[in-house]
Structures are given as C-alpha cells and as structure tokens.
PDB file of N, CA and C in Angstrom:
ATOM      1  N   MET A   1     -90.053  59.710 118.107  1.00  0.00           N
ATOM      2  CA  MET A   1     -90.226  59.086 116.815  1.00  0.00           C
ATOM      3  C   MET A   1     -91.510  58.261 116.759  1.00  0.00           C
ATOM      4  N   ALA A   2     -91.950  57.724 117.874  1.00  0.00           N
ATOM      5  CA  ALA A   2     -93.172  56.924 117.906  1.00  0.00           C
ATOM      6  C   ALA A   2     -94.383  57.760 117.523  1.00  0.00           C
ATOM      7  N   THR A   3     -94.386  59.031 117.912  1.00  0.00           N
ATOM      8  CA  THR A   3     -95.520  59.891 117.602  1.00  0.00           C
ATOM      9  C   THR A   3     -95.665  60.105 116.097  1.00  0.00           C
ATOM     10  N   SER A   4     -94.545  60.340 115.415  1.00  0.00           N
ATOM     11  CA  SER A   4     -94.636  60.581 113.974  1.00  0.00           C
ATOM     12  C   SER A   4     -95.074  59.326 113.227  1.00  0.00           C
ATOM     13  N   SER A   5     -94.677  58.140 113.695  1.00  0.00           N
ATOM     14  CA  SER A   5     -95.121  56.920 113.016  1.00  0.00           C
ATOM     15  C   SER A   5     -96.614  56.686 113.237  1.00  0.00           C
ATOM     16  N   LYS A   6     -97.138  57.083 114.388  1.00  0.00           N
ATOM     17  CA  LYS A   6     -98.581  56.954 114.629  1.00  0.00           C
ATOM     18  C   LYS A   6     -99.359  57.890 113.709  1.00  0.00           C
ATOM     19  N   LYS A   7     -98.841  59.099 113.508  1.00  0.00           N
ATOM     20  CA  LYS A   7     -99.498  60.049 112.612  1.00  0.00           C
ATOM     21  C   LYS A   7     -99.510  59.508 111.187  1.00  0.00           C
ATOM     22  N   TRP A   8     -98.393  58.920 110.755  1.00  0.00           N
ATOM     23  CA  TRP A   8     -98.311  58.360 109.414  1.00  0.00           C
ATOM     24  C   TRP A   8     -99.313  57.234 109.248  1.00  0.00           C
ATOM     25  N   LYS A   9     -99.392  56.342 110.241  1.00  0.00           N
ATOM     26  CA  LYS A   9    -100.312  55.211 110.161  1.00  0.00           C
ATOM     27  C   LYS A   9    -101.758  55.704 110.104  1.00  0.00           C
ATOM     28  N   ALA A  10    -102.109  56.675 110.921  1.00  0.00           N
ATOM     29  CA  ALA A  10    -103.464  57.225 110.909  1.00  0.00           C
ATOM     30  C   ALA A  10    -103.779  57.835 109.550  1.00  0.00           C
ATOM     31  N   SER A  11    -102.822  58.530 108.980  1.00  0.00           N
ATOM     32  CA  SER A  11    -103.015  59.132 107.666  1.00  0.00           C
ATOM     33  C   SER A  11    -103.161  58.055 106.599  1.00  0.00           C
ATOM     34  N   TYR A  12    -102.341  56.998 106.686  1.00  0.00           N
ATOM     35  CA  TYR A  12    -102.402  55.899 105.726  1.00  0.00           C
ATOM     36  C   TYR A  12    -103.748  55.194 105.808  1.00  0.00           C
ATOM     37  N   ASP A  13    -104.211  54.891 107.027  1.00  0.00           N
ATOM     38  CA  ASP A  13    -105.489  54.206 107.215  1.00  0.00           C
ATOM     39  C   ASP A  13    -106.652  55.041 106.726  1.00  0.00           C
ATOM     40  N   SER A  14    -106.620  56.338 106.948  1.00  0.00           N
ATOM     41  CA  SER A  14    -107.751  57.177 106.557  1.00  0.00           C
ATOM     42  C   SER A  14    -107.825  57.361 105.045  1.00  0.00           C
ATOM     43  N   ASN A  15    -106.721  57.158 104.336  1.00  0.00           N
ATOM     44  CA  ASN A  15    -106.719  57.314 102.881  1.00  0.00           C
ATOM     45  C   ASN A  15    -107.053  56.018 102.142  1.00  0.00           C
ATOM     46  N   SER A  16    -107.212  54.923 102.855  1.00  0.00           N
ATOM     47  CA  SER A  16    -107.526  53.649 102.217  1.00  0.00           C
ATOM     48  C   SER A  16    -108.961  53.660 101.707  1.00  0.00           C
ATOM     49  N   LYS A  17    -109.135  53.225 100.486  1.00  0.00           N
ATOM     50  CA  LYS A  17    -110.462  53.208  99.879  1.00  0.00           C
ATOM     51  C   LYS A  17    -110.779  51.808  99.375  1.00  0.00           C
ATOM     52  N   TYR A  18    -112.049  51.442  99.425  1.00  0.00           N
ATOM     53  CA  TYR A  18    -112.494  50.144  98.945  1.00  0.00           C
ATOM     54  C   TYR A  18    -112.311  50.083  97.425  1.00  0.00           C
ATOM     55  N   ASN A  19    -111.845  48.946  96.944  1.00  0.00           N
ATOM     56  CA  ASN A  19    -111.632  48.750  95.509  1.00  0.00           C
ATOM     57  C   ASN A  19    -112.540  47.604  95.053  1.00  0.00           C
ATOM     58  N   SER A  20    -113.528  47.899  94.234  1.00  0.00           N
ATOM     59  CA  SER A  20    -114.491  46.880  93.806  1.00  0.00           C
ATOM     60  C   SER A  20    -113.838  45.761  92.988  1.00  0.00           C
ATOM     61  N   ASN A  21    -112.653  45.981  92.453  1.00  0.00           N
ATOM     62  CA  ASN A  21    -111.939  44.927  91.724  1.00  0.00           C
ATOM     63  C   ASN A  21    -111.539  43.776  92.646  1.00  0.00           C
ATOM     64  N   TRP A  22    -111.439  44.024  93.946  1.00  0.00           N
ATOM     65  CA  TRP A  22    -111.112  42.965  94.902  1.00  0.00           C
ATOM     66  C   TRP A  22    -112.168  41.866  94.867  1.00  0.00           C
ATOM     67  N   GLU A  23    -113.399  42.208  94.524  1.00  0.00           N
ATOM     68  CA  GLU A  23    -114.489  41.227  94.494  1.00  0.00           C
ATOM     69  C   GLU A  23    -114.262  40.156  93.432  1.00  0.00           C
ATOM     70  N   LYS A  24    -113.462  40.450  92.410  1.00  0.00           N
ATOM     71  CA  LYS A  24    -113.148  39.451  91.383  1.00  0.00           C
ATOM     72  C   LYS A  24    -112.269  38.346  91.960  1.00  0.00           C
ATOM     73  N   THR A  25    -111.374  38.717  92.867  1.00  0.00           N
ATOM     74  CA  THR A  25    -110.466  37.759  93.491  1.00  0.00           C
ATOM     75  C   THR A  25    -111.093  37.120  94.721  1.00  0.00           C
ATOM     76  N   TYR A  26    -111.803  37.920  95.484  1.00  0.00           N
ATOM     77  CA  TYR A  26    -112.395  37.459  96.746  1.00  0.00           C
ATOM     78  C   TYR A  26    -113.924  37.497  96.610  1.00  0.00           C
ATOM     79  N   SER A  27    -114.520  36.388  96.221  1.00  0.00           N
ATOM     80  CA  SER A  27    -115.964  36.349  95.960  1.00  0.00           C
ATOM     81  C   SER A  27    -116.793  36.592  97.224  1.00  0.00           C
ATOM     82  N   TRP A  28    -116.205  36.412  98.372  1.00  0.00           N
ATOM     83  CA  TRP A  28    -116.899  36.585  99.653  1.00  0.00           C
ATOM     84  C   TRP A  28    -116.879  38.036 100.126  1.00  0.00           C
ATOM     85  N   LEU A  29    -116.266  38.918  99.367  1.00  0.00           N
ATOM     86  CA  LEU A  29    -116.063  40.302  99.784  1.00  0.00           C
ATOM     87  C   LEU A  29    -117.054  41.237  99.110  1.00  0.00           C
ATOM     88  N   LYS A  30    -117.490  42.252  99.842  1.00  0.00           N
ATOM     89  CA  LYS A  30    -118.291  43.328  99.257  1.00  0.00           C
ATOM     90  C   LYS A  30    -118.020  44.604 100.038  1.00  0.00           C
ATOM     91  N   ARG A  31    -118.467  45.724  99.490  1.00  0.00           N
ATOM     92  CA  ARG A  31    -118.305  47.004 100.188  1.00  0.00           C
ATOM     93  C   ARG A  31    -119.234  47.010 101.401  1.00  0.00           C
ATOM     94  N   SER A  32    -118.765  47.539 102.484  1.00  0.00           N
ATOM     95  CA  SER A  32    -119.573  47.629 103.691  1.00  0.00           C
ATOM     96  C   SER A  32    -120.803  48.485 103.426  1.00  0.00           C
ATOM     97  N   SER A  33    -121.940  48.088 103.950  1.00  0.00           N
ATOM     98  CA  SER A  33    -123.188  48.809 103.684  1.00  0.00           C
ATOM     99  C   SER A  33    -123.373  50.022 104.588  1.00  0.00           C
ATOM    100  N   ASP A  34    -122.411  50.296 105.470  1.00  0.00           N
ATOM    101  CA  ASP A  34    -122.559  51.432 106.381  1.00  0.00           C
ATOM    102  C   ASP A  34    -122.114  52.762 105.758  1.00  0.00           C
ATOM    103  N   GLY A  35    -121.766  52.742 104.467  1.00  0.00           N
ATOM    104  CA  GLY A  35    -121.386  53.978 103.789  1.00  0.00           C
ATOM    105  C   GLY A  35    -119.914  54.307 103.902  1.00  0.00           C
ATOM    106  N   SER A  36    -119.166  53.511 104.650  1.00  0.00           N
ATOM    107  CA  SER A  36    -117.734  53.762 104.792  1.00  0.00           C
ATOM    108  C   SER A  36    -116.981  53.111 103.639  1.00  0.00           C
ATOM    109  N   GLU A  37    -115.689  53.239 103.647  1.00  0.00           N
ATOM    110  CA  GLU A  37    -114.844  52.617 102.627  1.00  0.00           C
ATOM    111  C   GLU A  37    -114.406  51.218 103.050  1.00  0.00           C
ATOM    112  N   ALA A  38    -114.948  50.697 104.139  1.00  0.00           N
ATOM    113  CA  ALA A  38    -114.545  49.393 104.653  1.00  0.00           C
ATOM    114  C   ALA A  38    -115.037  48.270 103.749  1.00  0.00           C
ATOM    115  N   ALA A  39    -114.361  47.143 103.856  1.00  0.00           N
ATOM    116  CA  ALA A  39    -114.773  45.927 103.153  1.00  0.00           C
ATOM    117  C   ALA A  39    -115.598  45.095 104.122  1.00  0.00           C
ATOM    118  N   TYR A  40    -116.397  44.177 103.591  1.00  0.00           N
ATOM    119  CA  TYR A  40    -117.263  43.350 104.423  1.00  0.00           C
ATOM    120  C   TYR A  40    -117.165  41.906 103.961  1.00  0.00           C
ATOM    121  N   CYS A  41    -116.923  40.995 104.906  1.00  0.00           N
ATOM    122  CA  CYS A  41    -116.873  39.578 104.591  1.00  0.00           C
ATOM    123  C   CYS A  41    -118.278  39.014 104.733  1.00  0.00           C
ATOM    124  N   LYS A  42    -118.837  38.508 103.632  1.00  0.00           N
ATOM    125  CA  LYS A  42    -120.193  37.961 103.640  1.00  0.00           C
ATOM    126  C   LYS A  42    -120.274  36.653 104.422  1.00  0.00           C
ATOM    127  N   LEU A  43    -119.175  35.920 104.516  1.00  0.00           N
ATOM    128  CA  LEU A  43    -119.188  34.654 105.254  1.00  0.00           C
ATOM    129  C   LEU A  43    -119.119  34.866 106.755  1.00  0.00           C
ATOM    130  N   CYS A  44    -118.182  35.713 107.180  1.00  0.00           N
ATOM    131  CA  CYS A  44    -117.969  35.940 108.617  1.00  0.00           C
ATOM    132  C   CYS A  44    -118.859  37.037 109.176  1.00  0.00           C
ATOM    133  N   ARG A  45    -119.459  37.798 108.272  1.00  0.00           N
ATOM    134  CA  ARG A  45    -120.297  38.940 108.653  1.00  0.00           C
ATOM    135  C   ARG A  45    -119.527  39.932 109.533  1.00  0.00           C
ATOM    136  N   CYS A  46    -118.361  40.314 109.033  1.00  0.00           N
ATOM    137  CA  CYS A  46    -117.543  41.284 109.767  1.00  0.00           C
ATOM    138  C   CYS A  46    -116.891  42.246 108.781  1.00  0.00           C
ATOM    139  N   THR A  47    -116.514  43.413 109.286  1.00  0.00           N
ATOM    140  CA  THR A  47    -115.843  44.392 108.444  1.00  0.00           C
ATOM    141  C   THR A  47    -114.344  44.128 108.455  1.00  0.00           C
ATOM    142  N   VAL A  48    -113.727  44.483 107.345  1.00  0.00           N
ATOM    143  CA  VAL A  48    -112.293  44.308 107.167  1.00  0.00           C
ATOM    144  C   VAL A  48    -111.754  45.636 106.652  1.00  0.00           C
ATOM    145  N   ALA A  49    -110.581  46.035 107.145  1.00  0.00           N
ATOM    146  CA  ALA A  49    -109.977  47.291 106.692  1.00  0.00           C
ATOM    147  C   ALA A  49    -109.779  47.239 105.179  1.00  0.00           C
ATOM    148  N   PRO A  50    -110.008  48.353 104.481  1.00  0.00           N
ATOM    149  CA  PRO A  50    -109.918  48.362 103.023  1.00  0.00           C
ATOM    150  C   PRO A  50    -108.473  48.406 102.522  1.00  0.00           C
ATOM    151  N   ARG A  51    -107.719  47.376 102.856  1.00  0.00           N
ATOM    152  CA  ARG A  51    -106.340  47.224 102.392  1.00  0.00           C
ATOM    153  C   ARG A  51    -106.161  45.777 101.959  1.00  0.00           C
ATOM    154  N   ILE A  52    -105.457  45.548 100.891  1.00  0.00           N
ATOM    155  CA  ILE A  52    -105.280  44.208 100.359  1.00  0.00           C
ATOM    156  C   ILE A  52    -104.599  43.292 101.376  1.00  0.00           C
ATOM    157  N   THR A  53    -103.691  43.823 102.180  1.00  0.00           N
ATOM    158  CA  THR A  53    -103.041  42.984 103.194  1.00  0.00           C
ATOM    159  C   THR A  53    -104.037  42.560 104.263  1.00  0.00           C
ATOM    160  N   SER A  54    -104.914  43.435 104.668  1.00  0.00           N
ATOM    161  CA  SER A  54    -105.930  43.098 105.666  1.00  0.00           C
ATOM    162  C   SER A  54    -106.898  42.054 105.122  1.00  0.00           C
ATOM    163  N   ILE A  55    -107.273  42.211 103.866  1.00  0.00           N
ATOM    164  CA  ILE A  55    -108.203  41.271 103.238  1.00  0.00           C
ATOM    165  C   ILE A  55    -107.542  39.898 103.101  1.00  0.00           C
ATOM    166  N   SER A  56    -106.305  39.900 102.661  1.00  0.00           N
ATOM    167  CA  SER A  56    -105.561  38.649 102.512  1.00  0.00           C
ATOM    168  C   SER A  56    -105.375  37.963 103.871  1.00  0.00           C
ATOM    169  N   ASN A  57    -105.041  38.733 104.889  1.00  0.00           N
ATOM    170  CA  ASN A  57    -104.878  38.167 106.234  1.00  0.00           C
ATOM    171  C   ASN A  57    -106.205  37.623 106.758  1.00  0.00           C
ATOM    172  N   HIS A  58    -107.294  38.316 106.476  1.00  0.00           N
ATOM    173  CA  HIS A  58    -108.606  37.835 106.919  1.00  0.00           C
ATOM    174  C   HIS A  58    -108.927  36.491 106.261  1.00  0.00           C
ATOM    175  N   GLU A  59    -108.619  36.376 104.972  1.00  0.00           N
ATOM    176  CA  GLU A  59    -108.895  35.134 104.254  1.00  0.00           C
ATOM    177  C   GLU A  59    -108.136  33.951 104.868  1.00  0.00           C
ATOM    178  N   LYS A  60    -106.962  34.215 105.414  1.00  0.00           N
ATOM    179  CA  LYS A  60    -106.140  33.165 106.017  1.00  0.00           C
ATOM    180  C   LYS A  60    -106.505  32.894 107.480  1.00  0.00           C
ATOM    181  N   SER A  61    -107.352  33.734 108.055  1.00  0.00           N
ATOM    182  CA  SER A  61    -107.680  33.593 109.477  1.00  0.00           C
ATOM    183  C   SER A  61    -108.483  32.324 109.749  1.00  0.00           C
ATOM    184  N   GLU A  62    -108.368  31.823 110.958  1.00  0.00           N
ATOM    185  CA  GLU A  62    -109.088  30.605 111.356  1.00  0.00           C
ATOM    186  C   GLU A  62    -110.600  30.819 111.252  1.00  0.00           C
ATOM    187  N   LYS A  63    -111.055  31.970 111.692  1.00  0.00           N
ATOM    188  CA  LYS A  63    -112.491  32.283 111.651  1.00  0.00           C
ATOM    189  C   LYS A  63    -113.024  32.161 110.230  1.00  0.00           C
ATOM    190  N   HIS A  64    -112.307  32.750 109.273  1.00  0.00           N
ATOM    191  CA  HIS A  64    -112.768  32.740 107.891  1.00  0.00           C
ATOM    192  C   HIS A  64    -112.679  31.330 107.299  1.00  0.00           C
ATOM    193  N   ARG A  65    -111.595  30.632 107.555  1.00  0.00           N
ATOM    194  CA  ARG A  65    -111.444  29.284 106.994  1.00  0.00           C
ATOM    195  C   ARG A  65    -112.521  28.345 107.510  1.00  0.00           C
ATOM    196  N   MET A  66    -112.960  28.528 108.751  1.00  0.00           N
ATOM    197  CA  MET A  66    -114.015  27.677 109.310  1.00  0.00           C
ATOM    198  C   MET A  66    -115.354  27.925 108.607  1.00  0.00           C
ATOM    199  N   LYS A  67    -115.558  29.130 108.118  1.00  0.00           N
ATOM    200  CA  LYS A  67    -116.841  29.479 107.490  1.00  0.00           C
ATOM    201  C   LYS A  67    -116.824  29.307 105.972  1.00  0.00           C
ATOM    202  N   THR A  68    -115.664  29.044 105.406  1.00  0.00           N
ATOM    203  CA  THR A  68    -115.557  28.868 103.960  1.00  0.00           C
ATOM    204  C   THR A  68    -116.069  27.491 103.574  1.00  0.00           C
ATOM    205  N   PRO A  69    -117.030  27.419 102.670  1.00  0.00           N
ATOM    206  CA  PRO A  69    -117.570  26.113 102.271  1.00  0.00           C
ATOM    207  C   PRO A  69    -116.542  25.312 101.479  1.00  0.00           C
ATOM    208  N   SER A  70    -116.586  23.999 101.651  1.00  0.00           N
ATOM    209  CA  SER A  70    -115.708  23.130 100.872  1.00  0.00           C
ATOM    210  C   SER A  70    -116.228  23.075  99.442  1.00  0.00           C
ATOM    211  N   LYS A  71    -115.481  22.452  98.547  1.00  0.00           N
ATOM    212  CA  LYS A  71    -115.898  22.364  97.132  1.00  0.00           C
ATOM    213  C   LYS A  71    -117.256  21.673  96.993  1.00  0.00           C
ATOM    214  N   SER A  72    -117.472  20.580  97.741  1.00  0.00           N
ATOM    215  CA  SER A  72    -118.747  19.862  97.625  1.00  0.00           C
ATOM    216  C   SER A  72    -119.901  20.713  98.148  1.00  0.00           C
ATOM    217  N   GLN A  73    -119.663  21.497  99.204  1.00  0.00           N
ATOM    218  CA  GLN A  73    -120.707  22.373  99.718  1.00  0.00           C
ATOM    219  C   GLN A  73    -121.013  23.481  98.711  1.00  0.00           C
ATOM    220  N   SER A  74    -119.992  23.983  98.025  1.00  0.00           N
ATOM    221  CA  SER A  74    -120.201  25.025  97.020  1.00  0.00           C
ATOM    222  C   SER A  74    -121.073  24.510  95.888  1.00  0.00           C
ATOM    223  N   GLN A  75    -120.840  23.264  95.477  1.00  0.00           N
ATOM    224  CA  GLN A  75    -121.653  22.688  94.422  1.00  0.00           C
ATOM    225  C   GLN A  75    -123.087  22.510  94.888  1.00  0.00           C
ATOM    226  N   LEU A  76    -123.282  22.126  96.138  1.00  0.00           N
ATOM    227  CA  LEU A  76    -124.613  21.963  96.697  1.00  0.00           C
ATOM    228  C   LEU A  76    -125.346  23.298  96.733  1.00  0.00           C
ATOM    229  N   ILE A  77    -124.660  24.343  97.150  1.00  0.00           N
ATOM    230  CA  ILE A  77    -125.262  25.681  97.204  1.00  0.00           C
ATOM    231  C   ILE A  77    -125.677  26.118  95.804  1.00  0.00           C
ATOM    232  N   THR A  78    -124.836  25.872  94.811  1.00  0.00           N
ATOM    233  CA  THR A  78    -125.154  26.240  93.432  1.00  0.00           C
ATOM    234  C   THR A  78    -126.381  25.495  92.941  1.00  0.00           C
ATOM    235  N   THR A  79    -126.513  24.245  93.326  1.00  0.00           N
ATOM    236  CA  THR A  79    -127.668  23.465  92.876  1.00  0.00           C
ATOM    237  C   THR A  79    -128.940  23.900  93.582  1.00  0.00           C
ATOM    238  N   ILE A  80    -128.845  24.329  94.800  1.00  0.00           N
ATOM    239  CA  ILE A  80    -130.031  24.714  95.565  1.00  0.00           C
ATOM    240  C   ILE A  80    -130.548  26.085  95.121  1.00  0.00           C
ATOM    241  N   THR A  81    -129.672  26.960  94.719  1.00  0.00           N
ATOM    242  CA  THR A  81    -130.052  28.330  94.403  1.00  0.00           C
ATOM    243  C   THR A  81    -131.204  28.452  93.414  1.00  0.00           C
ATOM    244  N   PRO A  82    -131.222  27.733  92.281  1.00  0.00           N
ATOM    245  CA  PRO A  82    -132.362  27.877  91.361  1.00  0.00           C
ATOM    246  C   PRO A  82    -133.688  27.504  92.009  1.00  0.00           C
ATOM    247  N   ARG A  83    -133.693  26.504  92.852  1.00  0.00           N
ATOM    248  CA  ARG A  83    -134.924  26.100  93.516  1.00  0.00           C
ATOM    249  C   ARG A  83    -135.431  27.213  94.427  1.00  0.00           C
ATOM    250  N   GLN A  84    -134.508  27.878  95.110  1.00  0.00           N
ATOM    251  CA  GLN A  84    -134.916  28.951  96.002  1.00  0.00           C
ATOM    252  C   GLN A  84    -135.618  30.058  95.227  1.00  0.00           C
ATOM    253  N   SER A  85    -135.141  30.390  94.040  1.00  0.00           N
ATOM    254  CA  SER A  85    -135.823  31.431  93.270  1.00  0.00           C
ATOM    255  C   SER A  85    -137.173  30.925  92.783  1.00  0.00           C
ATOM    256  N   ASN A  86    -137.301  29.631  92.474  1.00  0.00           N
ATOM    257  CA  ASN A  86    -138.598  29.062  92.120  1.00  0.00           C
ATOM    258  C   ASN A  86    -139.566  29.155  93.291  1.00  0.00           C
ATOM    259  N   ASP A  87    -139.056  28.923  94.495  1.00  0.00           N
ATOM    260  CA  ASP A  87    -139.889  29.023  95.687  1.00  0.00           C
ATOM    261  C   ASP A  87    -140.408  30.450  95.867  1.00  0.00           C
ATOM    262  N   LYS A  88    -139.575  31.432  95.557  1.00  0.00           N
ATOM    263  CA  LYS A  88    -139.997  32.830  95.681  1.00  0.00           C
ATOM    264  C   LYS A  88    -141.109  33.136  94.675  1.00  0.00           C
ATOM    265  N   VAL A  89    -140.973  32.616  93.479  1.00  0.00           N
ATOM    266  CA  VAL A  89    -141.999  32.825  92.442  1.00  0.00           C
ATOM    267  C   VAL A  89    -143.302  32.171  92.884  1.00  0.00           C
ATOM    268  N   LYS A  90    -143.207  30.944  93.388  1.00  0.00           N
ATOM    269  CA  LYS A  90    -144.405  30.238  93.847  1.00  0.00           C
ATOM    270  C   LYS A  90    -145.083  30.994  94.992  1.00  0.00           C
ATOM    271  N   ALA A  91    -144.274  31.525  95.906  1.00  0.00           N
ATOM    272  CA  ALA A  91    -144.834  32.273  97.033  1.00  0.00           C
ATOM    273  C   ALA A  91    -145.550  33.529  96.541  1.00  0.00           C
ATOM    274  N   ALA A  92    -144.948  34.215  95.564  1.00  0.00           N
ATOM    275  CA  ALA A  92    -145.573  35.422  95.015  1.00  0.00           C
ATOM    276  C   ALA A  92    -146.868  35.077  94.286  1.00  0.00           C
ATOM    277  N   GLU A  93    -146.863  33.976  93.536  1.00  0.00           N
ATOM    278  CA  GLU A  93    -148.076  33.552  92.831  1.00  0.00           C
ATOM    279  C   GLU A  93    -149.177  33.175  93.807  1.00  0.00           C
ATOM    280  N   LEU A  94    -148.799  32.488  94.864  1.00  0.00           N
ATOM    281  CA  LEU A  94    -149.771  32.102  95.886  1.00  0.00           C
ATOM    282  C   LEU A  94    -150.365  33.330  96.557  1.00  0.00           C
ATOM    283  N   GLN A  95    -149.501  34.293  96.865  1.00  0.00           N
ATOM    284  CA  GLN A  95    -149.973  35.531  97.492  1.00  0.00           C
ATOM    285  C   GLN A  95    -150.933  36.269  96.564  1.00  0.00           C
ATOM    286  N   LEU A  96    -150.612  36.296  95.287  1.00  0.00           N
ATOM    287  CA  LEU A  96    -151.461  36.950  94.299  1.00  0.00           C
ATOM    288  C   LEU A  96    -152.806  36.234  94.187  1.00  0.00           C
ATOM    289  N   ALA A  97    -152.777  34.914  94.173  1.00  0.00           N
ATOM    290  CA  ALA A  97    -154.014  34.133  94.076  1.00  0.00           C
ATOM    291  C   ALA A  97    -154.898  34.368  95.296  1.00  0.00           C
ATOM    292  N   VAL A  98    -154.302  34.403  96.463  1.00  0.00           N
ATOM    293  CA  VAL A  98    -155.070  34.625  97.703  1.00  0.00           C
ATOM    294  C   VAL A  98    -155.666  36.029  97.713  1.00  0.00           C
ATOM    295  N   SER A  99    -154.903  37.012  97.263  1.00  0.00           N
ATOM    296  CA  SER A  99    -155.410  38.394  97.263  1.00  0.00           C
ATOM    297  C   SER A  99    -156.538  38.549  96.252  1.00  0.00           C
ATOM    298  N   ASN A 100    -156.520  37.815  95.147  1.00  0.00           N
ATOM    299  CA  ASN A 100    -157.574  37.901  94.143  1.00  0.00           C
ATOM    300  C   ASN A 100    -158.877  37.231  94.630  1.00  0.00           C
ATOM    301  N   THR A 101    -158.796  36.266  95.504  1.00  0.00           N
ATOM    302  CA  THR A 101    -159.989  35.608  95.997  1.00  0.00           C
ATOM    303  C   THR A 101    -160.754  36.467  96.994  1.00  0.00           C
ATOM    304  N   HIS A 102    -160.072  37.448  97.569  1.00  0.00           N
ATOM    305  CA  HIS A 102    -160.729  38.328  98.548  1.00  0.00           C
ATOM    306  C   HIS A 102    -161.407  39.532  97.888  1.00  0.00           C
ATOM    307  N   ASN A 103    -161.262  39.706  96.611  1.00  0.00           N
ATOM    308  CA  ASN A 103    -161.843  40.871  95.927  1.00  0.00           C
ATOM    309  C   ASN A 103    -163.266  40.668  95.561  1.00  0.00           C
TER     310      ASN A 103
END
C-alpha cells in the first residue's frame, strides 16, 4: 500500500501549478524565474512548492517570520522607495551629461 500512496503523491505534486492570484494574498510571493511552476519567496529567496498549504506553512516558518519586516520597517521602505527612483534618474542624467562632454 505504501507504493501506491507514493505514486499518488508524485502525481499530485507534478500536477500542481503556480496561481498568480496567490500574489494578492501573499505580497512576498512570485512565480519562480526558473521556468517551473514553483513559487518563490522574495524575502527568504527560496522556492516553495506551488500548493497553498506549502505557501501557508512557509509563511508561518521561523525563517520567513525573521525576514518579514515589521509595520514600522514597511513604512520606512515605502518612504525610501521614491528616493531610490530619483537616484536612478539622477544617475542616468549624470551618465548622459558625461557622455555628451566626450563628443
């Protein structure tokens, strides 16, 4: 009987597909970039099986909770983000100005 349950589990795991709707609930989640159907945790930088139970269990794991920013850190990240895009614009403008002086 153990053999048939292993076959069922393998079949169940291979049929699991990533669901982009999970990203609405789990903001830290995205599809794995390796082309598979796996999920990817942006905080822990690890792959998670594409099943809601696996994703939910990962969210509760010690590793994930340690990397999850607190509310005050989230607000800080939100405030810093616009400045970072301004820095990118300034860097591009500086690069453009330097390249124009060499012509």
